[in-house]
Amino acid sequence: MRAEEIIATHPDVQGEVAQNLIAAIAECLSCAQVCTSCADACLAEDHAERLRQCIRLCLDCADVCVATGMTATRRAGSNEELIAEMLAV
């Protein structure tokens, strides 16, 4: 089952799934994958020590993206203002 389908069954949503929210969640989780992969690729480089800051930034970005995507996925008592701010970051 896809996230969109399960979110649609949520009692607070009642079938009215915001497509822009679903797209934002997907983009956040995709970004986390890309950033994690980039950090991993940097670690495989012969000169990984010179890429230390890049690796940190990639991992920080991945963490923020996962937290944002997962927070936006939770619909029970969701804080729309917080989610908007997180997405803006």
Protein backbone atom coordinates (compact mmCIF):
# COMPACT_ATOMS: atom_id res chain seq x y z
CA MET A 1 0.00 0.00 0.00
CA ARG A 2 1.27 3.46 -0.84
CA ALA A 3 1.52 6.26 1.74
CA GLU A 4 -1.12 8.29 -0.10
CA GLU A 5 -3.60 5.42 0.20
CA ILE A 6 -3.04 4.89 3.89
CA ILE A 7 -3.14 8.63 4.64
CA ALA A 8 -6.50 8.79 2.83
CA THR A 9 -7.90 6.25 5.32
CA HIS A 10 -6.90 8.37 8.32
CA PRO A 11 -9.96 9.51 10.31
CA ASP A 12 -8.72 13.13 10.39
CA VAL A 13 -8.25 13.17 6.61
CA GLN A 14 -11.46 11.38 5.58
CA GLY A 15 -10.30 10.73 2.03
CA GLU A 16 -9.29 14.33 1.32
CA VAL A 17 -5.58 13.91 0.65
CA ALA A 18 -3.69 17.08 -0.25
CA GLN A 19 -1.72 16.14 -3.36
CA ASN A 20 0.83 18.90 -2.75
CA LEU A 21 1.51 17.43 0.70
CA ILE A 22 1.96 13.95 -0.76
CA ALA A 23 4.38 15.37 -3.34
CA ALA A 24 6.31 17.22 -0.63
CA ILE A 25 6.63 14.07 1.47
CA ALA A 26 7.91 12.11 -1.54
CA GLU A 27 10.42 14.84 -2.40
CA CYS A 28 11.70 15.00 1.18
CA LEU A 29 12.30 11.26 1.32
CA SER A 30 13.87 11.26 -2.15
CA CYS A 31 16.18 14.10 -1.12
CA ALA A 32 17.24 12.11 1.95
CA GLN A 33 18.17 9.17 -0.29
CA VAL A 34 20.17 11.37 -2.65
CA CYS A 35 22.02 13.09 0.19
CA THR A 36 22.81 9.77 1.87
CA SER A 37 24.08 8.35 -1.41
CA CYS A 38 26.23 11.44 -2.00
CA ALA A 39 27.79 11.13 1.45
CA ASP A 40 28.45 7.45 0.84
CA ALA A 41 30.07 8.19 -2.53
CA CYS A 42 32.26 10.87 -0.92
CA LEU A 43 33.41 8.35 1.68
CA ALA A 44 34.52 6.01 -1.10
CA GLU A 45 36.78 8.65 -2.65
CA ASP A 46 40.54 8.32 -2.22
CA HIS A 47 40.62 11.79 -0.70
CA ALA A 48 37.57 11.44 1.58
CA GLU A 49 39.26 13.45 4.31
CA ARG A 50 39.12 16.52 2.05
CA LEU A 51 35.37 15.95 1.63
CA ARG A 52 34.67 15.85 5.37
CA GLN A 53 32.53 19.02 5.41
CA CYS A 54 30.60 17.93 2.31
CA ILE A 55 29.87 14.58 3.93
CA ARG A 56 28.63 16.29 7.09
CA LEU A 57 26.39 18.63 5.10
CA CYS A 58 24.96 15.74 3.09
CA LEU A 59 24.20 13.76 6.24
CA ASP A 60 22.68 16.83 7.94
CA CYS A 61 20.50 17.43 4.90
CA ALA A 62 19.40 13.79 4.85
CA ASP A 63 18.44 13.93 8.52
CA VAL A 64 16.42 17.13 8.06
CA CYS A 65 14.66 15.70 5.01
CA VAL A 66 13.73 12.47 6.79
CA ALA A 67 12.44 14.37 9.83
CA THR A 68 10.42 16.70 7.61
CA GLY A 69 8.95 13.91 5.50
CA MET A 70 8.00 11.81 8.49
CA THR A 71 6.52 14.77 10.39
CA ALA A 72 4.43 15.68 7.35
CA THR A 73 3.25 12.07 7.07
CA ARG A 74 1.69 12.10 10.55
CA ARG A 75 -1.82 13.49 10.26
CA ALA A 76 -3.10 12.99 13.84
CA GLY A 77 -2.85 16.35 15.56
CA SER A 78 -0.49 17.57 12.87
CA ASN A 79 1.00 21.00 13.28
CA GLU A 80 0.53 22.57 9.85
CA GLU A 81 2.56 25.64 10.82
CA LEU A 82 5.55 23.52 11.86
CA ILE A 83 5.33 21.41 8.70
CA ALA A 84 5.23 24.55 6.53
CA GLU A 85 8.31 25.91 8.30
CA MET A 86 10.17 22.62 7.96
CA LEU A 87 9.34 22.45 4.24
CA ALA A 88 10.55 26.03 3.81
CA VAL A 89 13.93 25.00 5.25
